[in-house]
Amino acid sequence: MAGFVGTFLAPERTGTIWSAVTALGWATTMLFVLVKRRISRARRFGLGIRYGCSAMLMSAYAALWAFILLSGHANALGIYAGTVTGFAYLIAGLWRGRLLAVLGGALTVLFLAGFAMPPTGFLLYAGLLGGGGLVAAGLLLARRDPT
């Protein structure tokens, strides 16, 4: 609410407002998590860590996607689509295994390299990279789920 109202009142300071609101939101969330953990000492510590990492990744990727989509770059939509897949693999990797998380991080970085490519070359690059990522993820998931 504060971010939208602040942006309405001072549109020339949108970046500063959202940076401050985001930082304050994260600090408050971490404070609540630490207080709750101290009070309850959850039996399933690993589960809490995964939820926290999932939330942090979601926020980080939301900021990344805003940057990508507002960049005006010719490859922006393709880079966005590739990083969405990378994000999905990272989240899945938190719950299913390290290799998926590594694949997600690698896809994200490799698609971000698309900012340095001409649009025509990027199409082939993204096709091979995206298709290769899907095949790799399918093999990783099939290896764990034989059904």
Protein backbone atom coordinates (compact mmCIF):
# COMPACT_ATOMS: atom_id res chain seq x y z
CA MET A 1 0.00 0.00 0.00
CA ALA A 2 2.77 2.42 0.94
CA GLY A 3 4.58 1.83 -2.36
CA PHE A 4 1.55 2.57 -4.51
CA VAL A 5 0.46 5.60 -2.47
CA GLY A 6 4.02 6.93 -2.43
CA THR A 7 4.31 6.47 -6.18
CA PHE A 8 1.01 8.27 -6.67
CA LEU A 9 2.14 11.20 -4.51
CA ALA A 10 5.72 11.40 -5.86
CA PRO A 11 5.98 9.64 -9.25
CA GLU A 12 9.45 11.09 -9.84
CA ARG A 13 10.75 9.04 -6.88
CA THR A 14 9.23 5.67 -7.83
CA GLY A 15 12.53 3.76 -7.72
CA THR A 16 13.52 5.15 -4.33
CA ILE A 17 10.07 4.56 -2.87
CA TRP A 18 9.87 0.94 -4.01
CA SER A 19 13.44 0.21 -2.92
CA ALA A 20 12.69 1.54 0.57
CA VAL A 21 9.33 -0.23 0.83
CA THR A 22 10.86 -3.52 -0.33
CA ALA A 23 13.80 -3.28 2.09
CA LEU A 24 11.48 -2.41 4.98
CA GLY A 25 9.16 -5.28 4.07
CA TRP A 26 12.02 -7.78 4.00
CA ALA A 27 13.46 -6.52 7.29
CA THR A 28 10.06 -6.77 8.94
CA THR A 29 9.47 -10.26 7.56
CA MET A 30 12.86 -11.46 8.79
CA LEU A 31 12.15 -9.98 12.23
CA PHE A 32 8.83 -11.83 12.40
CA VAL A 33 10.48 -15.07 11.28
CA LEU A 34 13.23 -14.77 13.89
CA VAL A 35 10.76 -13.98 16.67
CA LYS A 36 8.47 -16.84 15.67
CA ARG A 37 11.39 -19.27 15.41
CA ARG A 38 12.60 -18.27 18.84
CA ILE A 39 9.12 -18.75 20.30
CA SER A 40 8.18 -22.04 18.66
CA ARG A 41 11.48 -23.76 17.68
CA ALA A 42 9.76 -25.57 14.86
CA ARG A 43 10.45 -29.29 14.62
CA ARG A 44 10.78 -29.11 10.87
CA PHE A 45 13.54 -26.52 10.57
CA GLY A 46 14.37 -27.47 6.97
CA LEU A 47 10.80 -26.85 5.88
CA GLY A 48 10.90 -23.30 7.25
CA ILE A 49 14.16 -22.61 5.46
CA ARG A 50 12.67 -23.80 2.17
CA TYR A 51 9.62 -21.59 2.57
CA GLY A 52 11.83 -18.61 3.38
CA CYS A 53 14.12 -19.25 0.42
CA SER A 54 11.10 -19.64 -1.85
CA ALA A 55 9.77 -16.26 -0.73
CA MET A 56 13.16 -14.59 -1.18
CA LEU A 57 13.55 -16.06 -4.66
CA MET A 58 10.07 -14.91 -5.59
CA SER A 59 10.86 -11.35 -4.54
CA ALA A 60 14.24 -11.34 -6.26
CA TYR A 61 12.79 -12.65 -9.51
CA ALA A 62 9.90 -10.17 -9.36
CA ALA A 63 12.47 -7.35 -9.29
CA LEU A 64 14.52 -9.04 -12.04
CA TRP A 65 11.44 -9.44 -14.25
CA ALA A 66 10.49 -5.79 -13.81
CA PHE A 67 14.01 -4.81 -14.87
CA ILE A 68 13.91 -7.14 -17.88
CA LEU A 69 10.45 -6.14 -19.09
CA LEU A 70 11.03 -2.41 -18.62
CA SER A 71 14.47 -2.50 -20.27
CA GLY A 72 13.10 -1.94 -23.77
CA HIS A 73 15.63 -4.46 -25.07
CA ALA A 74 14.67 -6.34 -28.25
CA ASN A 75 15.20 -9.70 -26.50
CA ALA A 76 13.34 -8.74 -23.31
CA LEU A 77 10.34 -11.05 -23.76
CA GLY A 78 12.51 -14.04 -24.60
CA ILE A 79 14.84 -13.32 -21.67
CA TYR A 80 11.81 -12.98 -19.41
CA ALA A 81 10.38 -16.31 -20.59
CA GLY A 82 13.69 -18.08 -20.04
CA THR A 83 14.13 -16.66 -16.56
CA VAL A 84 10.58 -17.74 -15.64
CA THR A 85 11.65 -21.30 -16.45
CA GLY A 86 14.86 -20.81 -14.48
CA PHE A 87 12.84 -19.57 -11.52
CA ALA A 88 10.53 -22.60 -11.69
CA TYR A 89 13.52 -24.97 -11.67
CA LEU A 90 15.12 -23.10 -8.77
CA ILE A 91 11.96 -23.38 -6.68
CA ALA A 92 11.55 -27.04 -7.64
CA GLY A 93 15.19 -27.59 -6.72
CA LEU A 94 14.59 -26.32 -3.20
CA TRP A 95 12.08 -29.10 -2.72
CA ARG A 96 13.27 -31.84 -5.09
CA GLY A 97 17.04 -31.66 -5.27
CA ARG A 98 20.13 -29.59 -5.80
CA LEU A 99 20.56 -30.42 -9.50
CA LEU A 100 17.26 -28.76 -10.42
CA ALA A 101 18.29 -25.66 -8.47
CA VAL A 102 21.63 -25.54 -10.28
CA LEU A 103 19.83 -25.95 -13.61
CA GLY A 104 17.48 -23.08 -12.70
CA GLY A 105 20.34 -20.78 -11.75
CA ALA A 106 22.26 -21.66 -14.89
CA LEU A 107 19.24 -21.06 -17.14
CA THR A 108 18.67 -17.69 -15.52
CA VAL A 109 22.27 -16.57 -16.01
CA LEU A 110 22.44 -17.92 -19.56
CA PHE A 111 19.19 -16.22 -20.56
CA LEU A 112 20.38 -12.94 -19.02
CA ALA A 113 23.34 -13.20 -21.42
CA GLY A 114 20.70 -12.57 -24.08
CA PHE A 115 21.07 -8.85 -23.36
CA ALA A 116 24.41 -9.03 -25.17
CA MET A 117 23.06 -10.77 -28.28
CA PRO A 118 21.50 -9.49 -31.47
CA PRO A 119 17.80 -10.41 -31.74
CA THR A 120 18.26 -12.85 -34.63
CA GLY A 121 21.06 -14.75 -32.90
CA PHE A 122 19.12 -14.78 -29.67
CA LEU A 123 16.24 -16.73 -31.22
CA LEU A 124 18.47 -19.70 -32.03
CA TYR A 125 20.32 -19.41 -28.71
CA ALA A 126 17.08 -19.28 -26.71
CA GLY A 127 15.57 -22.16 -28.64
CA LEU A 128 18.56 -24.41 -27.98
CA LEU A 129 18.97 -23.24 -24.40
CA GLY A 130 15.28 -23.41 -23.53
CA GLY A 131 14.75 -26.76 -25.21
CA GLY A 132 17.94 -28.13 -23.67
CA GLY A 133 16.81 -26.94 -20.25
CA LEU A 134 13.45 -28.65 -20.65
CA VAL A 135 15.11 -31.91 -21.70
CA ALA A 136 17.58 -31.73 -18.79
CA ALA A 137 14.80 -31.03 -16.28
CA GLY A 138 12.70 -33.87 -17.71
CA LEU A 139 15.60 -36.29 -17.34
CA LEU A 140 16.26 -35.14 -13.78
CA LEU A 141 12.62 -35.53 -12.80
CA ALA A 142 12.27 -38.89 -14.55
CA ARG A 143 15.31 -40.17 -12.72
CA ARG A 144 13.60 -39.47 -9.40
CA ASP A 145 10.05 -40.38 -10.35
CA PRO A 146 10.06 -43.64 -12.30
CA THR A 147 6.25 -43.69 -12.62
